[in-house]
PDB file of N, CA and C in Angstrom:
ATOM      1  N   MET A   1       0.825  -0.973   0.289  1.00  0.00           N
ATOM      2  CA  MET A   1       0.345  -0.030   0.349  1.00  0.00           C
ATOM      3  C   MET A   1       0.516   1.086   0.212  1.00  0.00           C
ATOM      4  N   ASN A   2       2.782   1.461   0.615  1.00  0.00           N
ATOM      5  CA  ASN A   2       2.762   2.310   1.222  1.00  0.00           C
ATOM      6  C   ASN A   2       3.445   2.769  -0.588  1.00  0.00           C
ATOM      7  N   PHE A   3       4.072   1.585  -1.543  1.00  0.00           N
ATOM      8  CA  PHE A   3       4.713   1.389  -2.329  1.00  0.00           C
ATOM      9  C   PHE A   3       3.946   2.519  -3.708  1.00  0.00           C
ATOM     10  N   ARG A   4       2.944   1.846  -3.284  1.00  0.00           N
ATOM     11  CA  ARG A   4       1.475   2.513  -4.648  1.00  0.00           C
ATOM     12  C   ARG A   4       1.463   3.795  -4.242  1.00  0.00           C
ATOM     13  N   TYR A   5       0.972   3.969  -2.990  1.00  0.00           N
ATOM     14  CA  TYR A   5       1.124   5.618  -2.763  1.00  0.00           C
ATOM     15  C   TYR A   5       2.607   6.704  -2.819  1.00  0.00           C
ATOM     16  N   ASN A   6       3.356   6.048  -3.051  1.00  0.00           N
ATOM     17  CA  ASN A   6       4.405   6.561  -3.346  1.00  0.00           C
ATOM     18  C   ASN A   6       4.970   6.953  -5.001  1.00  0.00           C
ATOM     19  N   PHE A   7       4.709   5.597  -5.162  1.00  0.00           N
ATOM     20  CA  PHE A   7       4.737   5.251  -7.020  1.00  0.00           C
ATOM     21  C   PHE A   7       3.923   6.504  -7.210  1.00  0.00           C
ATOM     22  N   PHE A   8       2.409   6.675  -7.293  1.00  0.00           N
ATOM     23  CA  PHE A   8       1.433   7.673  -7.556  1.00  0.00           C
ATOM     24  C   PHE A   8       1.443   9.312  -7.497  1.00  0.00           C
ATOM     25  N   LEU A   9       2.677   9.217  -5.949  1.00  0.00           N
ATOM     26  CA  LEU A   9       3.222  10.816  -5.812  1.00  0.00           C
ATOM     27  C   LEU A   9       4.220  11.169  -7.029  1.00  0.00           C
ATOM     28  N   ILE A  10       5.168   9.908  -7.249  1.00  0.00           N
ATOM     29  CA  ILE A  10       5.481  10.166  -7.713  1.00  0.00           C
ATOM     30  C   ILE A  10       5.896  10.915  -9.407  1.00  0.00           C
ATOM     31  N   ILE A  11       4.628   9.486  -9.522  1.00  0.00           N
ATOM     32  CA  ILE A  11       4.191   9.927 -11.430  1.00  0.00           C
ATOM     33  C   ILE A  11       3.472  10.895 -11.455  1.00  0.00           C
ATOM     34  N   LEU A  12       2.665  11.325 -10.402  1.00  0.00           N
ATOM     35  CA  LEU A  12       1.697  13.258 -10.199  1.00  0.00           C
ATOM     36  C   LEU A  12       2.628  13.720 -10.002  1.00  0.00           C
ATOM     37  N   ALA A  13       3.722  13.998  -9.249  1.00  0.00           N
ATOM     38  CA  ALA A  13       4.638  15.010  -9.545  1.00  0.00           C
ATOM     39  C   ALA A  13       5.788  15.434 -10.745  1.00  0.00           C
ATOM     40  N   GLY A  14       5.940  14.194 -11.253  1.00  0.00           N
ATOM     41  CA  GLY A  14       6.505  14.272 -12.568  1.00  0.00           C
ATOM     42  C   GLY A  14       5.610  14.521 -14.039  1.00  0.00           C
ATOM     43  N   PHE A  15       4.337  15.071 -14.258  1.00  0.00           N
ATOM     44  CA  PHE A  15       2.917  15.167 -14.450  1.00  0.00           C
ATOM     45  C   PHE A  15       3.128  16.353 -14.297  1.00  0.00           C
ATOM     46  N   LEU A  16       3.342  16.565 -13.038  1.00  0.00           N
ATOM     47  CA  LEU A  16       2.691  18.213 -13.096  1.00  0.00           C
ATOM     48  C   LEU A  16       3.976  19.666 -12.952  1.00  0.00           C
ATOM     49  N   VAL A  17       5.340  18.793 -13.034  1.00  0.00           N
ATOM     50  CA  VAL A  17       6.551  19.154 -13.571  1.00  0.00           C
ATOM     51  C   VAL A  17       6.556  19.408 -14.939  1.00  0.00           C
ATOM     52  N   SER A  18       6.013  18.247 -15.604  1.00  0.00           N
ATOM     53  CA  SER A  18       6.160  18.243 -17.257  1.00  0.00           C
ATOM     54  C   SER A  18       5.163  19.572 -17.542  1.00  0.00           C
ATOM     55  N   LEU A  19       3.787  19.595 -17.004  1.00  0.00           N
ATOM     56  CA  LEU A  19       3.257  20.761 -17.393  1.00  0.00           C
ATOM     57  C   LEU A  19       3.734  21.704 -17.025  1.00  0.00           C
ATOM     58  N   ILE A  20       4.409  22.117 -16.202  1.00  0.00           N
ATOM     59  CA  ILE A  20       4.644  23.881 -15.750  1.00  0.00           C
ATOM     60  C   ILE A  20       5.988  23.532 -16.538  1.00  0.00           C
ATOM     61  N   GLY A  21       6.602  23.379 -17.097  1.00  0.00           N
ATOM     62  CA  GLY A  21       7.951  23.165 -18.157  1.00  0.00           C
ATOM     63  C   GLY A  21       7.645  23.557 -18.990  1.00  0.00           C
ATOM     64  N   ASN A  22       6.821  22.601 -19.892  1.00  0.00           N
ATOM     65  CA  ASN A  22       6.129  22.868 -21.179  1.00  0.00           C
ATOM     66  C   ASN A  22       5.402  24.263 -21.232  1.00  0.00           C
ATOM     67  N   SER A  23       4.952  24.828 -20.648  1.00  0.00           N
ATOM     68  CA  SER A  23       3.802  26.453 -20.700  1.00  0.00           C
ATOM     69  C   SER A  23       4.775  27.253 -19.917  1.00  0.00           C
ATOM     70  N   CYS A  24       5.999  26.955 -19.792  1.00  0.00           N
ATOM     71  CA  CYS A  24       6.630  28.228 -18.986  1.00  0.00           C
ATOM     72  C   CYS A  24       7.016  29.707 -19.844  1.00  0.00           C
ATOM     73  N   ALA A  25       7.509  28.914 -21.147  1.00  0.00           N
ATOM     74  CA  ALA A  25       8.202  29.985 -21.783  1.00  0.00           C
ATOM     75  C   ALA A  25       7.375  29.863 -23.427  1.00  0.00           C
ATOM     76  N   GLN A  26       7.360  30.605 -24.189  1.00  0.00           N
ATOM     77  CA  GLN A  26       7.051  30.476 -26.049  1.00  0.00           C
ATOM     78  C   GLN A  26       7.800  31.194 -26.037  1.00  0.00           C
ATOM     79  N   ILE A  27       8.147  30.367 -27.158  1.00  0.00           N
ATOM     80  CA  ILE A  27       9.218  31.223 -28.434  1.00  0.00           C
ATOM     81  C   ILE A  27       8.649  32.426 -29.352  1.00  0.00           C
ATOM     82  N   GLY A  28       8.774  33.497 -29.519  1.00  0.00           N
ATOM     83  CA  GLY A  28       8.472  34.287 -30.457  1.00  0.00           C
ATOM     84  C   GLY A  28       8.845  35.792 -30.718  1.00  0.00           C
ATOM     85  N   SER A  29       9.230  36.588 -31.347  1.00  0.00           N
ATOM     86  CA  SER A  29       9.753  37.527 -31.409  1.00  0.00           C
ATOM     87  C   SER A  29       8.605  38.609 -30.988  1.00  0.00           C
ATOM     88  N   PRO A  30       9.187  39.928 -30.034  1.00  0.00           N
ATOM     89  CA  PRO A  30       8.387  40.671 -29.809  1.00  0.00           C
ATOM     90  C   PRO A  30       7.681  41.666 -31.120  1.00  0.00           C
ATOM     91  N   SER A  31       6.560  41.889 -30.794  1.00  0.00           N
ATOM     92  CA  SER A  31       6.470  42.949 -31.699  1.00  0.00           C
ATOM     93  C   SER A  31       6.406  44.361 -31.952  1.00  0.00           C
ATOM     94  N   GLY A  32       7.665  44.260 -31.154  1.00  0.00           N
ATOM     95  CA  GLY A  32       8.226  45.623 -31.334  1.00  0.00           C
ATOM     96  C   GLY A  32       7.090  47.492 -30.978  1.00  0.00           C
ATOM     97  N   GLY A  33       6.476  47.506 -30.837  1.00  0.00           N
ATOM     98  CA  GLY A  33       5.411  48.422 -30.561  1.00  0.00           C
ATOM     99  C   GLY A  33       5.144  48.874 -32.474  1.00  0.00           C
ATOM    100  N   PRO A  34       4.345  50.294 -32.467  1.00  0.00           N
ATOM    101  CA  PRO A  34       4.332  51.124 -33.766  1.00  0.00           C
ATOM    102  C   PRO A  34       5.621  51.580 -33.918  1.00  0.00           C
ATOM    103  N   ARG A  35       5.041  51.701 -35.584  1.00  0.00           N
ATOM    104  CA  ARG A  35       5.771  52.186 -36.597  1.00  0.00           C
ATOM    105  C   ARG A  35       6.214  53.219 -35.945  1.00  0.00           C
ATOM    106  N   ASP A  36       7.544  53.619 -35.609  1.00  0.00           N
ATOM    107  CA  ASP A  36       8.414  55.222 -35.948  1.00  0.00           C
ATOM    108  C   ASP A  36       8.479  55.845 -37.391  1.00  0.00           C
ATOM    109  N   SER A  37       7.619  57.363 -37.441  1.00  0.00           N
ATOM    110  CA  SER A  37       6.942  57.951 -38.457  1.00  0.00           C
ATOM    111  C   SER A  37       7.815  58.769 -38.319  1.00  0.00           C
ATOM    112  N   LEU A  38       8.307  59.593 -37.278  1.00  0.00           N
ATOM    113  CA  LEU A  38       8.925  60.932 -36.675  1.00  0.00           C
ATOM    114  C   LEU A  38      10.584  60.994 -36.750  1.00  0.00           C
ATOM    115  N   PRO A  39      11.020  61.339 -37.072  1.00  0.00           N
ATOM    116  CA  PRO A  39      12.550  61.115 -37.504  1.00  0.00           C
ATOM    117  C   PRO A  39      13.437  61.984 -36.368  1.00  0.00           C
ATOM    118  N   PRO A  40      14.343  61.241 -35.508  1.00  0.00           N
ATOM    119  CA  PRO A  40      14.594  61.967 -34.245  1.00  0.00           C
ATOM    120  C   PRO A  40      15.287  63.683 -34.281  1.00  0.00           C
ATOM    121  N   VAL A  41      14.639  65.087 -33.625  1.00  0.00           N
ATOM    122  CA  VAL A  41      15.170  65.727 -33.478  1.00  0.00           C
ATOM    123  C   VAL A  41      16.249  65.912 -32.964  1.00  0.00           C
ATOM    124  N   LEU A  42      17.145  66.620 -33.852  1.00  0.00           N
ATOM    125  CA  LEU A  42      18.752  67.277 -33.385  1.00  0.00           C
ATOM    126  C   LEU A  42      18.103  68.534 -32.210  1.00  0.00           C
ATOM    127  N   ALA A  43      18.928  67.775 -30.535  1.00  0.00           N
ATOM    128  CA  ALA A  43      18.897  68.619 -29.511  1.00  0.00           C
ATOM    129  C   ALA A  43      19.866  70.117 -29.395  1.00  0.00           C
ATOM    130  N   LYS A  44      20.872  69.348 -29.209  1.00  0.00           N
ATOM    131  CA  LYS A  44      21.773  70.010 -29.137  1.00  0.00           C
ATOM    132  C   LYS A  44      23.497  69.665 -29.979  1.00  0.00           C
ATOM    133  N   ALA A  45      24.070  70.495 -30.492  1.00  0.00           N
ATOM    134  CA  ALA A  45      25.208  70.116 -31.395  1.00  0.00           C
ATOM    135  C   ALA A  45      26.472  70.857 -30.849  1.00  0.00           C
ATOM    136  N   THR A  46      27.433  70.464 -30.717  1.00  0.00           N
ATOM    137  CA  THR A  46      28.791  70.884 -30.183  1.00  0.00           C
ATOM    138  C   THR A  46      29.687  70.689 -31.438  1.00  0.00           C
ATOM    139  N   PRO A  47      30.689  71.745 -32.244  1.00  0.00           N
ATOM    140  CA  PRO A  47      30.493  72.977 -32.288  1.00  0.00           C
ATOM    141  C   PRO A  47      28.428  73.284 -32.315  1.00  0.00           C
ATOM    142  N   GLY A  48      28.479  74.727 -32.187  1.00  0.00           N
ATOM    143  CA  GLY A  48      26.890  74.796 -32.488  1.00  0.00           C
ATOM    144  C   GLY A  48      27.054  74.918 -34.020  1.00  0.00           C
ATOM    145  N   GLU A  49      25.407  75.075 -34.492  1.00  0.00           N
ATOM    146  CA  GLU A  49      25.016  75.510 -35.553  1.00  0.00           C
ATOM    147  C   GLU A  49      25.435  76.608 -36.774  1.00  0.00           C
ATOM    148  N   ARG A  50      26.096  76.481 -37.439  1.00  0.00           N
ATOM    149  CA  ARG A  50      26.452  77.906 -38.632  1.00  0.00           C
ATOM    150  C   ARG A  50      27.937  78.362 -37.783  1.00  0.00           C
ATOM    151  N   THR A  51      28.541  77.072 -37.712  1.00  0.00           N
ATOM    152  CA  THR A  51      30.262  77.457 -36.783  1.00  0.00           C
ATOM    153  C   THR A  51      30.832  77.502 -38.148  1.00  0.00           C
ATOM    154  N   THR A  52      31.676  78.389 -38.289  1.00  0.00           N
ATOM    155  CA  THR A  52      32.472  78.611 -38.773  1.00  0.00           C
ATOM    156  C   THR A  52      33.932  78.822 -38.663  1.00  0.00           C
ATOM    157  N   ASN A  53      34.628  78.219 -39.006  1.00  0.00           N
ATOM    158  CA  ASN A  53      36.008  78.299 -39.663  1.00  0.00           C
ATOM    159  C   ASN A  53      36.078  77.405 -37.622  1.00  0.00           C
ATOM    160  N   PHE A  54      36.067  76.512 -37.809  1.00  0.00           N
ATOM    161  CA  PHE A  54      36.202  74.806 -36.889  1.00  0.00           C
ATOM    162  C   PHE A  54      37.634  74.322 -37.296  1.00  0.00           C
ATOM    163  N   LYS A  55      38.323  74.760 -36.208  1.00  0.00           N
ATOM    164  CA  LYS A  55      39.557  74.053 -36.354  1.00  0.00           C
ATOM    165  C   LYS A  55      39.810  72.431 -35.241  1.00  0.00           C
ATOM    166  N   GLY A  56      38.644  72.359 -34.435  1.00  0.00           N
ATOM    167  CA  GLY A  56      38.909  71.162 -34.309  1.00  0.00           C
ATOM    168  C   GLY A  56      38.507  70.064 -34.514  1.00  0.00           C
ATOM    169  N   ASN A  57      38.299  68.603 -33.926  1.00  0.00           N
ATOM    170  CA  ASN A  57      38.946  67.142 -34.665  1.00  0.00           C
ATOM    171  C   ASN A  57      37.587  66.484 -34.172  1.00  0.00           C
ATOM    172  N   LYS A  58      36.564  67.196 -33.558  1.00  0.00           N
ATOM    173  CA  LYS A  58      35.586  66.135 -33.042  1.00  0.00           C
ATOM    174  C   LYS A  58      34.060  66.907 -33.314  1.00  0.00           C
ATOM    175  N   ILE A  59      33.013  66.064 -33.251  1.00  0.00           N
ATOM    176  CA  ILE A  59      31.752  67.264 -33.148  1.00  0.00           C
ATOM    177  C   ILE A  59      30.942  66.272 -32.835  1.00  0.00           C
ATOM    178  N   SER A  60      29.706  66.656 -31.963  1.00  0.00           N
ATOM    179  CA  SER A  60      29.004  65.800 -31.094  1.00  0.00           C
ATOM    180  C   SER A  60      27.971  66.264 -31.581  1.00  0.00           C
ATOM    181  N   LEU A  61      26.780  65.447 -31.793  1.00  0.00           N
ATOM    182  CA  LEU A  61      25.521  65.460 -31.989  1.00  0.00           C
ATOM    183  C   LEU A  61      24.443  64.771 -31.124  1.00  0.00           C
ATOM    184  N   THR A  62      23.701  65.711 -30.096  1.00  0.00           N
ATOM    185  CA  THR A  62      22.278  64.888 -29.417  1.00  0.00           C
ATOM    186  C   THR A  62      21.107  65.260 -30.340  1.00  0.00           C
ATOM    187  N   PHE A  63      20.646  63.778 -30.113  1.00  0.00           N
ATOM    188  CA  PHE A  63      19.082  63.576 -30.540  1.00  0.00           C
ATOM    189  C   PHE A  63      18.158  63.662 -29.286  1.00  0.00           C
ATOM    190  N   ASP A  64      16.888  63.589 -29.733  1.00  0.00           N
ATOM    191  CA  ASP A  64      15.870  63.391 -28.284  1.00  0.00           C
ATOM    192  C   ASP A  64      16.052  62.376 -28.604  1.00  0.00           C
ATOM    193  N   GLU A  65      16.160  60.942 -29.157  1.00  0.00           N
ATOM    194  CA  GLU A  65      15.738  59.677 -28.464  1.00  0.00           C
ATOM    195  C   GLU A  65      17.290  58.452 -29.031  1.00  0.00           C
ATOM    196  N   TYR A  66      17.093  57.922 -28.583  1.00  0.00           N
ATOM    197  CA  TYR A  66      18.413  56.860 -29.115  1.00  0.00           C
ATOM    198  C   TYR A  66      18.359  56.473 -30.383  1.00  0.00           C
ATOM    199  N   ILE A  67      19.418  56.593 -30.647  1.00  0.00           N
ATOM    200  CA  ILE A  67      19.519  56.023 -32.313  1.00  0.00           C
ATOM    201  C   ILE A  67      20.788  55.750 -32.705  1.00  0.00           C
ATOM    202  N   GLU A  68      20.783  54.414 -33.517  1.00  0.00           N
ATOM    203  CA  GLU A  68      21.793  53.574 -33.795  1.00  0.00           C
ATOM    204  C   GLU A  68      22.010  54.199 -35.191  1.00  0.00           C
ATOM    205  N   LEU A  69      23.597  53.849 -35.624  1.00  0.00           N
ATOM    206  CA  LEU A  69      24.111  54.535 -36.892  1.00  0.00           C
ATOM    207  C   LEU A  69      24.404  53.422 -37.328  1.00  0.00           C
ATOM    208  N   LYS A  70      24.240  52.788 -38.264  1.00  0.00           N
ATOM    209  CA  LYS A  70      25.029  51.411 -38.832  1.00  0.00           C
ATOM    210  C   LYS A  70      25.799  52.298 -40.179  1.00  0.00           C
ATOM    211  N   GLU A  71      26.687  52.062 -40.654  1.00  0.00           N
ATOM    212  CA  GLU A  71      27.700  52.704 -42.077  1.00  0.00           C
ATOM    213  C   GLU A  71      27.596  53.941 -41.898  1.00  0.00           C
ATOM    214  N   VAL A  72      28.433  54.940 -41.508  1.00  0.00           N
ATOM    215  CA  VAL A  72      28.476  56.025 -40.788  1.00  0.00           C
ATOM    216  C   VAL A  72      28.847  55.906 -42.277  1.00  0.00           C
ATOM    217  N   SER A  73      29.854  55.745 -43.191  1.00  0.00           N
ATOM    218  CA  SER A  73      30.450  56.661 -44.201  1.00  0.00           C
ATOM    219  C   SER A  73      29.194  56.920 -45.102  1.00  0.00           C
ATOM    220  N   ASN A  74      28.254  55.680 -45.522  1.00  0.00           N
ATOM    221  CA  ASN A  74      26.859  55.737 -46.088  1.00  0.00           C
ATOM    222  C   ASN A  74      25.408  56.188 -45.793  1.00  0.00           C
ATOM    223  N   ASN A  75      25.867  56.758 -44.242  1.00  0.00           N
ATOM    224  CA  ASN A  75      24.511  57.709 -43.615  1.00  0.00           C
ATOM    225  C   ASN A  75      24.649  58.523 -43.133  1.00  0.00           C
ATOM    226  N   LEU A  76      25.738  59.408 -43.316  1.00  0.00           N
ATOM    227  CA  LEU A  76      26.100  60.833 -42.360  1.00  0.00           C
ATOM    228  C   LEU A  76      26.828  61.822 -44.316  1.00  0.00           C
ATOM    229  N   PHE A  77      26.084  62.464 -44.387  1.00  0.00           N
ATOM    230  CA  PHE A  77      26.321  63.682 -45.108  1.00  0.00           C
ATOM    231  C   PHE A  77      27.043  64.593 -45.009  1.00  0.00           C
ATOM    232  N   ILE A  78      27.827  65.253 -45.378  1.00  0.00           N
ATOM    233  CA  ILE A  78      28.842  66.458 -44.565  1.00  0.00           C
ATOM    234  C   ILE A  78      28.479  67.142 -46.027  1.00  0.00           C
ATOM    235  N   SER A  79      27.968  69.034 -45.688  1.00  0.00           N
ATOM    236  CA  SER A  79      28.110  69.643 -47.209  1.00  0.00           C
ATOM    237  C   SER A  79      28.931  70.640 -46.487  1.00  0.00           C
ATOM    238  N   PRO A  80      29.573  71.131 -47.585  1.00  0.00           N
ATOM    239  CA  PRO A  80      30.180  71.477 -48.788  1.00  0.00           C
ATOM    240  C   PRO A  80      30.759  69.611 -48.478  1.00  0.00           C
ATOM    241  N   VAL A  81      30.948  69.069 -48.952  1.00  0.00           N
ATOM    242  CA  VAL A  81      32.231  67.697 -49.664  1.00  0.00           C
ATOM    243  C   VAL A  81      33.297  68.462 -49.126  1.00  0.00           C
ATOM    244  N   GLN A  82      34.409  67.823 -48.726  1.00  0.00           N
ATOM    245  CA  GLN A  82      35.591  68.140 -48.468  1.00  0.00           C
ATOM    246  C   GLN A  82      36.758  67.557 -49.062  1.00  0.00           C
TER     247      GLN A  82
END
């Protein structure tokens, strides 16, 4: 009788663990939210806009949102061309 009771508890525990393990996480990609239709706005630029005779070797552009720039040489346009 005790053996049957222990066997039943082991089977029940295994069944519960398998149910919990199978329904724990679902593989899928996040929706990502609505499409971003507005471009980022330039909040601050160092040196300031319309600066002439800039002798430094670094510029800083701060936008109102996080942007990730890939392939800088293809996506950043400097005018006039040097």
